[in-house]
Protein backbone atom coordinates (compact mmCIF):
# COMPACT_ATOMS: atom_id res chain seq x y z
CA UNK A 1 -19.05 -17.22 -28.63
CA UNK A 2 -19.57 -16.50 -24.78
CA UNK A 3 -22.17 -13.94 -25.10
CA UNK A 4 -24.26 -16.29 -27.35
CA UNK A 5 -23.88 -19.18 -24.55
CA UNK A 6 -24.57 -16.65 -22.10
CA UNK A 7 -27.72 -15.36 -23.95
CA UNK A 8 -28.98 -18.82 -24.18
CA UNK A 9 -28.80 -19.56 -20.78
CA UNK A 10 -30.80 -16.34 -19.99
CA UNK A 11 -33.06 -17.01 -22.81
CA UNK A 12 -33.63 -20.66 -21.37
CA UNK A 13 -35.03 -19.31 -18.08
CA UNK A 14 -37.63 -17.18 -19.59
CA UNK A 15 -41.26 -18.92 -19.94
CA UNK A 16 -42.84 -16.55 -22.35
CA UNK A 17 -46.78 -16.45 -22.73
CA UNK A 18 -48.55 -14.42 -24.87
CA UNK A 19 -51.98 -13.37 -25.65
CA UNK A 20 -53.17 -11.83 -28.91
CA UNK A 21 -56.40 -9.63 -29.40
CA UNK A 22 -59.00 -12.63 -29.90
CA UNK A 23 -57.53 -13.98 -26.27
CA UNK A 24 -55.60 -16.86 -28.04
CA UNK A 25 -52.87 -17.85 -25.62
CA UNK A 26 -49.40 -19.14 -26.50
CA UNK A 27 -46.98 -20.49 -24.17
CA UNK A 28 -43.46 -21.05 -25.33
CA UNK A 29 -43.89 -21.79 -28.93
CA UNK A 30 -47.42 -23.73 -28.87
CA UNK A 31 -51.00 -22.10 -28.85
CA UNK A 32 -52.91 -23.81 -25.49
CA UNK A 33 -55.96 -23.38 -23.60
CA UNK A 34 -56.10 -21.34 -20.46
CA UNK A 35 -56.69 -24.79 -18.83
CA UNK A 36 -53.46 -26.06 -19.70
CA UNK A 37 -51.45 -23.24 -18.52
CA UNK A 38 -51.28 -23.83 -14.79
CA UNK A 39 -49.42 -27.57 -15.77
CA UNK A 40 -47.29 -26.03 -18.27
CA UNK A 41 -46.16 -23.36 -15.73
CA UNK A 42 -45.38 -25.96 -13.02
CA UNK A 43 -43.31 -28.46 -15.67
CA UNK A 44 -41.40 -25.35 -16.68
CA UNK A 45 -40.50 -23.96 -13.17
CA UNK A 46 -39.92 -27.57 -11.82
CA UNK A 47 -38.10 -28.83 -14.72
CA UNK A 48 -37.69 -32.40 -13.36
CA UNK A 49 -35.83 -33.85 -16.58
CA UNK A 50 -33.26 -30.97 -16.43
CA UNK A 51 -34.60 -30.01 -19.89
CA UNK A 52 -31.91 -27.98 -21.45
CA UNK A 53 -34.43 -25.60 -22.87
CA UNK A 54 -36.13 -25.18 -19.86
CA UNK A 55 -34.56 -23.23 -16.53
CA UNK A 56 -30.97 -24.09 -15.62
CA UNK A 57 -30.88 -25.73 -12.26
CA UNK A 58 -28.17 -24.91 -9.60
CA UNK A 59 -27.29 -26.24 -5.92
CA UNK A 60 -28.94 -24.50 -3.29
CA UNK A 61 -28.65 -24.64 0.58
CA UNK A 62 -32.13 -23.91 1.90
CA UNK A 63 -32.61 -23.89 5.56
CA UNK A 64 -34.96 -26.54 6.71
CA UNK A 65 -35.08 -28.31 3.41
CA UNK A 66 -31.08 -28.73 2.80
CA UNK A 67 -28.86 -28.99 -0.40
CA UNK A 68 -31.25 -29.28 -3.40
CA UNK A 69 -31.17 -28.23 -7.06
CA UNK A 70 -33.57 -25.63 -7.74
CA UNK A 71 -34.49 -23.29 -10.71
CA UNK A 72 -34.61 -20.07 -9.22
CA UNK A 73 -33.51 -17.98 -12.06
CA UNK A 74 -36.89 -18.43 -14.01
CA UNK A 75 -39.06 -15.96 -14.93
CA UNK A 76 -42.68 -16.36 -16.35
CA UNK A 77 -43.36 -13.64 -18.86
CA UNK A 78 -46.84 -12.49 -19.44
CA UNK A 79 -47.44 -10.16 -22.23
CA UNK A 80 -51.09 -9.57 -23.77
CA UNK A 81 -52.19 -7.52 -26.85
CA UNK A 82 -53.67 -4.42 -26.52
CA UNK A 83 -56.94 -5.56 -27.81
CA UNK A 84 -57.08 -8.94 -25.26
CA UNK A 85 -59.96 -8.90 -22.72
CA UNK A 86 -59.53 -8.08 -19.23
CA UNK A 87 -61.31 -11.28 -18.07
CA UNK A 88 -58.61 -13.46 -20.41
CA UNK A 89 -55.85 -11.37 -18.81
CA UNK A 90 -57.07 -12.01 -15.33
CA UNK A 91 -57.59 -15.92 -16.49
CA UNK A 92 -54.03 -16.29 -17.30
CA UNK A 93 -52.92 -13.97 -14.42
CA UNK A 94 -54.92 -16.49 -12.14
CA UNK A 95 -53.37 -19.58 -13.27
CA UNK A 96 -50.07 -18.38 -13.13
CA UNK A 97 -50.33 -17.38 -9.39
CA UNK A 98 -52.36 -20.88 -9.05
CA UNK A 99 -49.18 -22.87 -10.10
CA UNK A 100 -47.19 -21.28 -7.93
CA UNK A 101 -49.45 -21.71 -4.83
CA UNK A 102 -49.71 -25.83 -5.87
CA UNK A 103 -45.84 -25.82 -6.30
CA UNK A 104 -45.52 -24.65 -2.75
CA UNK A 105 -48.29 -26.69 -1.30
CA UNK A 106 -46.97 -30.01 -2.83
CA UNK A 107 -43.24 -28.92 -1.34
CA UNK A 108 -44.72 -28.36 1.98
CA UNK A 109 -46.46 -31.59 2.30
CA UNK A 110 -43.44 -33.40 1.21
CA UNK A 111 -40.83 -31.74 3.67
CA UNK A 112 -42.91 -30.82 6.40
CA UNK A 113 -45.28 -33.68 7.51
CA UNK A 114 -48.26 -33.30 4.91
CA UNK A 115 -49.30 -29.71 5.85
CA UNK A 116 -50.32 -27.01 3.23
CA UNK A 117 -48.14 -23.88 2.96
CA UNK A 118 -50.67 -22.10 4.64
CA UNK A 119 -49.95 -24.18 7.57
CA UNK A 120 -46.55 -23.81 7.74
CA UNK A 121 -44.47 -21.59 10.22
CA UNK A 122 -43.04 -18.43 8.94
CA UNK A 123 -39.92 -20.05 9.08
CA UNK A 124 -41.05 -23.01 6.40
CA UNK A 125 -43.01 -20.62 4.27
CA UNK A 126 -39.63 -18.71 3.82
CA UNK A 127 -37.77 -21.96 2.87
CA UNK A 128 -40.29 -22.67 0.65
CA UNK A 129 -40.49 -19.23 -0.97
CA UNK A 130 -36.63 -19.71 -1.57
CA UNK A 131 -37.04 -23.06 -3.31
CA UNK A 132 -40.04 -21.89 -5.55
CA UNK A 133 -39.62 -18.08 -5.80
CA UNK A 134 -42.59 -16.19 -7.47
CA UNK A 135 -41.12 -14.39 -10.52
CA UNK A 136 -43.62 -12.81 -13.00
CA UNK A 137 -42.95 -10.36 -15.60
CA UNK A 138 -45.77 -8.21 -16.73
CA UNK A 139 -44.44 -6.84 -20.21
CA UNK A 140 -46.11 -3.68 -21.85
CA UNK A 141 -48.89 -4.81 -23.79
CA UNK A 142 -48.28 -4.95 -27.86
CA UNK A 143 -50.28 -5.08 -30.56
CA UNK A 144 -50.04 -8.61 -32.48
CA UNK A 145 -51.01 -8.41 -36.08
CA UNK A 146 -51.47 -4.95 -37.08
CA UNK A 147 -54.51 -4.61 -34.61
C-alpha cells in the first residue's frame, strides 16, 4: 500500500530517544548509556552504509560543497518521562547537540582546509548547516510504566 510505504519512509527518518523515570535511556530499540548517545546520533544522521532502517538519503547540490547525498529529512526525537531527573534530561540534550557539533566540525575540516566549523566563513557555515541541519524534536513528557 502506498500509505504504508510512505509511513515507513517517514518512520525511518526519526531516531527516537526515550528516557524513563529511572533515567534509563533507550535509543531506537536498545538501552544505552548517555556516553553512547552522541555516537549513535552521529551514526544515524550520517547513515554511511545507506541502511534502509535509517534516514533516507537524497542528492542535494550545496553551494561550496557540490552534489552530495544527505539525510536532511532526519529528525532526532527526544522524549522523557515526567519522573526523569533534570540532570539526565540535560545530559541527553547536550549529547545530541554535541553529535551535531562534531559532524559539522568533521565536515568543515574535510571540505574547508582543516578548519573547525567555528573558523569557517558565514557562507561555509551555511553550507555545512545545509549538509547537517540540526533537527531535534522534543516531545511532551509522558509517564512510562504507570508512574
